[in-house]
Amino acid sequence: MDRTVISTESAPPAIGPYSQAIAAGNLIFISGQLAIDPASGEFVTGDIAAMTRQIFTNIETILAAAGSTLSKVLKVTVFLADLNDFQEMNQAYATFFPSNPPARSTVQVARLPRDARIEIEVIALA
């Protein structure tokens, strides 16, 4: 099975030794995305909903670079620094998947890179 690195300057660059995404066969694996504005390289300000929206904007950009869309997302994993943010994140999340949402896991973690409050990773069809 071929393995292709997916990279776009329209989304934040990886902050470590990993790729924004990898395509293998008919699947795309998007690395965990933080609420970073690709133009400034800084975290977006505001609440967890604004952060969630920025992350999905970044994910949409990476999916587009791979020739895919949010409608082809199979599995989402959401990492929250505080599970008290779940409901607000969930409301923003729902706007990206108005029908037939993908499978999803949401977990609270002790700490995220750059002390982020949320990180989201995705597996999608190419």
N, C-alpha and C. Protein backbone atom coordinates (compact mmCIF):
# COMPACT_ATOMS: atom_id res chain seq x y z
N MET A 1 0.84 -1.17 0.00
CA MET A 1 0.00 0.00 0.00
C MET A 1 0.89 1.24 0.00
N ASP A 2 0.60 2.17 -0.91
CA ASP A 2 1.35 3.42 -0.96
C ASP A 2 0.98 4.33 0.19
N ARG A 3 1.93 5.12 0.59
CA ARG A 3 1.77 6.08 1.68
C ARG A 3 2.18 7.44 1.15
N THR A 4 1.27 8.43 1.21
CA THR A 4 1.53 9.75 0.68
C THR A 4 1.40 10.79 1.78
N VAL A 5 2.39 11.65 1.89
CA VAL A 5 2.34 12.75 2.85
C VAL A 5 1.46 13.85 2.27
N ILE A 6 0.53 14.33 3.08
CA ILE A 6 -0.34 15.45 2.71
C ILE A 6 0.13 16.66 3.49
N SER A 7 0.37 17.75 2.77
CA SER A 7 0.84 18.97 3.42
C SER A 7 0.30 20.17 2.67
N THR A 8 -0.14 21.17 3.40
CA THR A 8 -0.62 22.41 2.81
C THR A 8 -0.18 23.58 3.67
N GLU A 9 0.22 24.66 3.01
CA GLU A 9 0.59 25.88 3.74
C GLU A 9 -0.64 26.63 4.23
N SER A 10 -1.82 26.20 3.81
CA SER A 10 -3.07 26.85 4.22
C SER A 10 -3.56 26.38 5.58
N ALA A 11 -2.84 25.45 6.19
CA ALA A 11 -3.14 24.97 7.54
C ALA A 11 -1.86 25.09 8.36
N PRO A 12 -1.98 25.12 9.68
CA PRO A 12 -0.78 25.26 10.51
C PRO A 12 0.20 24.11 10.25
N PRO A 13 1.48 24.41 10.22
CA PRO A 13 2.47 23.34 10.04
C PRO A 13 2.55 22.47 11.28
N ALA A 14 3.05 21.27 11.10
CA ALA A 14 3.27 20.37 12.24
C ALA A 14 4.26 21.04 13.19
N ILE A 15 4.05 20.85 14.49
CA ILE A 15 4.95 21.44 15.47
C ILE A 15 5.96 20.42 16.00
N GLY A 16 6.09 19.33 15.28
CA GLY A 16 7.02 18.27 15.67
C GLY A 16 7.35 17.42 14.46
N PRO A 17 8.02 16.31 14.69
CA PRO A 17 8.42 15.43 13.58
C PRO A 17 7.28 14.51 13.13
N TYR A 18 6.25 15.12 12.56
CA TYR A 18 5.11 14.36 12.04
C TYR A 18 4.51 15.15 10.88
N SER A 19 3.67 14.49 10.11
CA SER A 19 3.02 15.11 8.95
C SER A 19 1.65 15.65 9.33
N GLN A 20 1.19 16.65 8.60
CA GLN A 20 -0.18 17.13 8.80
C GLN A 20 -1.16 15.98 8.59
N ALA A 21 -0.90 15.20 7.55
CA ALA A 21 -1.76 14.05 7.25
C ALA A 21 -1.00 13.05 6.40
N ILE A 22 -1.50 11.83 6.42
CA ILE A 22 -0.97 10.74 5.59
C ILE A 22 -2.15 10.09 4.89
N ALA A 23 -2.01 9.90 3.59
CA ALA A 23 -3.00 9.13 2.83
C ALA A 23 -2.41 7.76 2.56
N ALA A 24 -3.20 6.74 2.80
CA ALA A 24 -2.79 5.35 2.55
C ALA A 24 -4.01 4.62 2.02
N GLY A 25 -3.88 4.08 0.82
CA GLY A 25 -5.04 3.44 0.21
C GLY A 25 -6.13 4.47 0.03
N ASN A 26 -7.33 4.17 0.50
CA ASN A 26 -8.43 5.13 0.38
C ASN A 26 -8.71 5.86 1.69
N LEU A 27 -7.72 5.87 2.60
CA LEU A 27 -7.89 6.54 3.88
C LEU A 27 -6.94 7.72 4.04
N ILE A 28 -7.41 8.72 4.78
CA ILE A 28 -6.59 9.88 5.14
C ILE A 28 -6.57 9.97 6.66
N PHE A 29 -5.38 10.04 7.22
CA PHE A 29 -5.19 10.15 8.66
C PHE A 29 -4.64 11.54 8.96
N ILE A 30 -5.47 12.38 9.58
CA ILE A 30 -5.05 13.75 9.89
C ILE A 30 -4.55 13.79 11.33
N SER A 31 -3.33 14.29 11.48
CA SER A 31 -2.74 14.43 12.81
C SER A 31 -3.57 15.39 13.65
N GLY A 32 -3.42 15.28 14.95
CA GLY A 32 -4.14 16.16 15.87
C GLY A 32 -3.91 17.62 15.53
N GLN A 33 -5.01 18.35 15.42
CA GLN A 33 -4.96 19.77 15.08
C GLN A 33 -5.32 20.60 16.30
N LEU A 34 -4.58 21.69 16.46
CA LEU A 34 -4.85 22.65 17.53
C LEU A 34 -5.57 23.85 16.94
N ALA A 35 -6.07 24.71 17.80
CA ALA A 35 -6.83 25.90 17.36
C ALA A 35 -5.88 27.02 16.97
N ILE A 36 -5.07 26.76 15.96
CA ILE A 36 -4.07 27.72 15.51
C ILE A 36 -4.51 28.35 14.20
N ASP A 37 -4.44 29.67 14.14
CA ASP A 37 -4.71 30.40 12.90
C ASP A 37 -3.47 30.25 12.02
N PRO A 38 -3.60 29.66 10.83
CA PRO A 38 -2.41 29.43 10.00
C PRO A 38 -1.75 30.73 9.53
N ALA A 39 -2.50 31.82 9.45
CA ALA A 39 -1.93 33.09 8.99
C ALA A 39 -0.98 33.69 10.03
N SER A 40 -1.37 33.58 11.30
CA SER A 40 -0.55 34.19 12.36
C SER A 40 0.33 33.19 13.09
N GLY A 41 -0.04 31.91 13.04
CA GLY A 41 0.68 30.90 13.80
C GLY A 41 0.35 30.92 15.28
N GLU A 42 -0.66 31.68 15.64
CA GLU A 42 -1.06 31.83 17.05
C GLU A 42 -2.41 31.15 17.30
N PHE A 43 -2.65 30.82 18.56
CA PHE A 43 -3.95 30.28 18.94
C PHE A 43 -5.03 31.33 18.72
N VAL A 44 -6.21 30.88 18.30
CA VAL A 44 -7.34 31.79 18.23
C VAL A 44 -7.75 32.12 19.66
N THR A 45 -8.29 33.30 19.84
CA THR A 45 -8.75 33.68 21.16
C THR A 45 -10.24 33.39 21.26
N GLY A 46 -10.72 33.33 22.45
CA GLY A 46 -12.14 33.10 22.66
C GLY A 46 -12.42 31.81 23.38
N ASP A 47 -13.64 31.36 23.23
CA ASP A 47 -14.12 30.19 23.96
C ASP A 47 -13.80 28.90 23.20
N ILE A 48 -14.19 27.79 23.80
CA ILE A 48 -13.90 26.48 23.20
C ILE A 48 -14.63 26.30 21.87
N ALA A 49 -15.77 26.97 21.70
CA ALA A 49 -16.49 26.89 20.43
C ALA A 49 -15.66 27.54 19.31
N ALA A 50 -15.08 28.69 19.57
CA ALA A 50 -14.23 29.35 18.57
C ALA A 50 -13.02 28.49 18.24
N MET A 51 -12.46 27.85 19.25
CA MET A 51 -11.32 26.96 19.04
C MET A 51 -11.73 25.75 18.18
N THR A 52 -12.88 25.19 18.49
CA THR A 52 -13.38 24.04 17.72
C THR A 52 -13.60 24.43 16.27
N ARG A 53 -14.18 25.58 16.03
CA ARG A 53 -14.41 26.05 14.66
C ARG A 53 -13.09 26.24 13.91
N GLN A 54 -12.08 26.80 14.57
CA GLN A 54 -10.78 26.99 13.91
C GLN A 54 -10.16 25.64 13.56
N ILE A 55 -10.24 24.71 14.47
CA ILE A 55 -9.68 23.38 14.21
C ILE A 55 -10.35 22.75 13.00
N PHE A 56 -11.68 22.82 12.92
CA PHE A 56 -12.35 22.21 11.78
C PHE A 56 -12.10 22.97 10.48
N THR A 57 -11.86 24.26 10.56
CA THR A 57 -11.44 25.01 9.38
C THR A 57 -10.09 24.47 8.89
N ASN A 58 -9.17 24.23 9.82
CA ASN A 58 -7.87 23.67 9.47
C ASN A 58 -8.02 22.26 8.90
N ILE A 59 -8.87 21.46 9.52
CA ILE A 59 -9.09 20.09 9.04
C ILE A 59 -9.69 20.10 7.63
N GLU A 60 -10.66 20.98 7.39
CA GLU A 60 -11.25 21.08 6.05
C GLU A 60 -10.18 21.42 5.01
N THR A 61 -9.26 22.30 5.36
CA THR A 61 -8.18 22.70 4.45
C THR A 61 -7.27 21.53 4.13
N ILE A 62 -6.92 20.75 5.14
CA ILE A 62 -6.06 19.58 4.94
C ILE A 62 -6.80 18.52 4.11
N LEU A 63 -8.08 18.30 4.42
CA LEU A 63 -8.86 17.35 3.64
C LEU A 63 -8.93 17.78 2.18
N ALA A 64 -9.12 19.07 1.92
CA ALA A 64 -9.16 19.57 0.55
C ALA A 64 -7.84 19.32 -0.17
N ALA A 65 -6.73 19.50 0.54
CA ALA A 65 -5.41 19.24 -0.05
C ALA A 65 -5.25 17.77 -0.42
N ALA A 66 -5.98 16.91 0.29
CA ALA A 66 -5.94 15.47 0.02
C ALA A 66 -7.04 15.04 -0.97
N GLY A 67 -7.86 16.01 -1.42
CA GLY A 67 -8.94 15.68 -2.34
C GLY A 67 -10.17 15.13 -1.66
N SER A 68 -10.38 15.50 -0.39
CA SER A 68 -11.51 14.97 0.37
C SER A 68 -12.29 16.12 1.00
N THR A 69 -13.33 15.76 1.75
CA THR A 69 -14.19 16.74 2.42
C THR A 69 -14.62 16.21 3.78
N LEU A 70 -15.24 17.09 4.57
CA LEU A 70 -15.76 16.66 5.86
C LEU A 70 -16.83 15.58 5.72
N SER A 71 -17.54 15.56 4.61
CA SER A 71 -18.59 14.55 4.42
C SER A 71 -18.02 13.13 4.34
N LYS A 72 -16.71 13.02 4.16
CA LYS A 72 -16.07 11.71 4.06
C LYS A 72 -15.34 11.31 5.36
N VAL A 73 -15.54 12.08 6.42
CA VAL A 73 -14.91 11.76 7.70
C VAL A 73 -15.58 10.54 8.31
N LEU A 74 -14.76 9.57 8.72
CA LEU A 74 -15.25 8.33 9.32
C LEU A 74 -15.19 8.34 10.84
N LYS A 75 -14.09 8.90 11.37
CA LYS A 75 -13.83 8.83 12.82
C LYS A 75 -13.14 10.10 13.28
N VAL A 76 -13.60 10.64 14.38
CA VAL A 76 -13.02 11.83 14.99
C VAL A 76 -12.65 11.49 16.43
N THR A 77 -11.49 11.96 16.86
CA THR A 77 -11.12 11.87 18.27
C THR A 77 -10.86 13.28 18.77
N VAL A 78 -11.58 13.65 19.83
CA VAL A 78 -11.45 14.97 20.44
C VAL A 78 -10.76 14.80 21.78
N PHE A 79 -9.71 15.57 21.99
CA PHE A 79 -8.97 15.58 23.25
C PHE A 79 -9.24 16.93 23.92
N LEU A 80 -9.80 16.90 25.12
CA LEU A 80 -10.09 18.12 25.86
C LEU A 80 -9.24 18.18 27.13
N ALA A 81 -8.71 19.34 27.42
CA ALA A 81 -7.99 19.53 28.67
C ALA A 81 -8.96 19.56 29.85
N ASP A 82 -10.22 19.94 29.58
CA ASP A 82 -11.23 20.02 30.63
C ASP A 82 -12.55 19.52 30.07
N LEU A 83 -13.04 18.41 30.58
CA LEU A 83 -14.28 17.82 30.08
C LEU A 83 -15.49 18.72 30.35
N ASN A 84 -15.33 19.74 31.19
CA ASN A 84 -16.40 20.72 31.37
C ASN A 84 -16.66 21.51 30.09
N ASP A 85 -15.73 21.48 29.13
CA ASP A 85 -15.90 22.15 27.84
C ASP A 85 -16.68 21.29 26.85
N PHE A 86 -17.07 20.09 27.26
CA PHE A 86 -17.70 19.14 26.34
C PHE A 86 -18.94 19.70 25.64
N GLN A 87 -19.88 20.24 26.40
CA GLN A 87 -21.14 20.69 25.80
C GLN A 87 -20.92 21.81 24.79
N GLU A 88 -20.11 22.79 25.14
CA GLU A 88 -19.84 23.90 24.22
C GLU A 88 -19.11 23.42 22.97
N MET A 89 -18.13 22.53 23.15
CA MET A 89 -17.43 21.95 21.99
C MET A 89 -18.42 21.18 21.14
N ASN A 90 -19.28 20.41 21.77
CA ASN A 90 -20.24 19.57 21.06
C ASN A 90 -21.18 20.40 20.20
N GLN A 91 -21.62 21.54 20.70
CA GLN A 91 -22.51 22.41 19.92
C GLN A 91 -21.81 22.94 18.68
N ALA A 92 -20.56 23.38 18.82
CA ALA A 92 -19.80 23.87 17.66
C ALA A 92 -19.52 22.72 16.70
N TYR A 93 -19.15 21.58 17.23
CA TYR A 93 -18.86 20.38 16.44
C TYR A 93 -20.06 20.01 15.56
N ALA A 94 -21.25 20.06 16.13
CA ALA A 94 -22.46 19.64 15.43
C ALA A 94 -22.71 20.45 14.17
N THR A 95 -22.25 21.69 14.12
CA THR A 95 -22.47 22.52 12.93
C THR A 95 -21.67 22.01 11.73
N PHE A 96 -20.61 21.26 11.97
CA PHE A 96 -19.80 20.72 10.87
C PHE A 96 -20.33 19.38 10.36
N PHE A 97 -21.18 18.73 11.16
CA PHE A 97 -21.76 17.44 10.78
C PHE A 97 -23.27 17.48 11.05
N PRO A 98 -24.02 18.23 10.22
CA PRO A 98 -25.45 18.40 10.49
C PRO A 98 -26.28 17.13 10.32
N SER A 99 -25.77 16.17 9.53
CA SER A 99 -26.48 14.89 9.39
C SER A 99 -25.45 13.79 9.20
N ASN A 100 -25.81 12.60 9.61
CA ASN A 100 -24.94 11.42 9.49
C ASN A 100 -23.53 11.68 10.01
N PRO A 101 -23.39 12.11 11.25
CA PRO A 101 -22.05 12.41 11.77
C PRO A 101 -21.19 11.16 11.85
N PRO A 102 -19.87 11.38 11.85
CA PRO A 102 -18.95 10.25 11.95
C PRO A 102 -18.93 9.67 13.37
N ALA A 103 -18.29 8.51 13.49
CA ALA A 103 -18.03 7.97 14.82
C ALA A 103 -17.10 8.94 15.54
N ARG A 104 -17.18 8.96 16.88
CA ARG A 104 -16.35 9.91 17.61
C ARG A 104 -16.06 9.41 19.01
N SER A 105 -14.88 9.75 19.49
CA SER A 105 -14.50 9.57 20.89
C SER A 105 -14.08 10.93 21.42
N THR A 106 -14.40 11.20 22.67
CA THR A 106 -13.96 12.43 23.32
C THR A 106 -13.38 12.04 24.67
N VAL A 107 -12.16 12.49 24.91
CA VAL A 107 -11.50 12.15 26.17
C VAL A 107 -10.87 13.39 26.79
N GLN A 108 -10.82 13.38 28.11
CA GLN A 108 -10.09 14.42 28.83
C GLN A 108 -8.65 13.95 29.01
N VAL A 109 -7.72 14.85 28.77
CA VAL A 109 -6.30 14.51 28.90
C VAL A 109 -5.64 15.46 29.90
N ALA A 110 -4.53 15.03 30.45
CA ALA A 110 -3.85 15.83 31.46
C ALA A 110 -3.25 17.10 30.88
N ARG A 111 -2.75 17.02 29.64
CA ARG A 111 -2.10 18.18 29.04
C ARG A 111 -2.00 17.97 27.54
N LEU A 112 -2.07 19.06 26.78
CA LEU A 112 -1.95 19.02 25.33
C LEU A 112 -0.76 19.87 24.90
N PRO A 113 -0.24 19.65 23.69
CA PRO A 113 0.88 20.46 23.20
C PRO A 113 0.57 21.96 23.28
N ARG A 114 1.58 22.72 23.63
CA ARG A 114 1.47 24.18 23.75
C ARG A 114 0.38 24.59 24.73
N ASP A 115 0.06 23.70 25.66
CA ASP A 115 -0.98 23.94 26.66
C ASP A 115 -2.33 24.29 26.04
N ALA A 116 -2.61 23.70 24.90
CA ALA A 116 -3.90 23.90 24.22
C ALA A 116 -5.02 23.36 25.09
N ARG A 117 -6.23 23.86 24.84
CA ARG A 117 -7.41 23.37 25.55
C ARG A 117 -8.10 22.25 24.80
N ILE A 118 -7.82 22.13 23.48
CA ILE A 118 -8.49 21.13 22.65
C ILE A 118 -7.58 20.73 21.50
N GLU A 119 -7.65 19.45 21.14
CA GLU A 119 -6.97 18.93 19.97
C GLU A 119 -7.91 17.92 19.32
N ILE A 120 -7.94 17.90 17.98
CA ILE A 120 -8.84 16.99 17.28
C ILE A 120 -8.09 16.30 16.15
N GLU A 121 -8.25 14.97 16.06
CA GLU A 121 -7.67 14.20 14.95
C GLU A 121 -8.80 13.51 14.20
N VAL A 122 -8.55 13.21 12.92
CA VAL A 122 -9.60 12.71 12.04
C VAL A 122 -9.07 11.59 11.13
N ILE A 123 -9.93 10.64 10.84
CA ILE A 123 -9.70 9.65 9.79
C ILE A 123 -10.83 9.81 8.79
N ALA A 124 -10.48 9.93 7.50
CA ALA A 124 -11.48 10.17 6.47
C ALA A 124 -11.19 9.30 5.24
N LEU A 125 -12.19 9.18 4.40
CA LEU A 125 -12.01 8.54 3.10
C LEU A 125 -11.40 9.53 2.12
N ALA A 126 -10.58 9.03 1.23
CA ALA A 126 -9.98 9.90 0.21
C ALA A 126 -11.03 10.28 -0.81
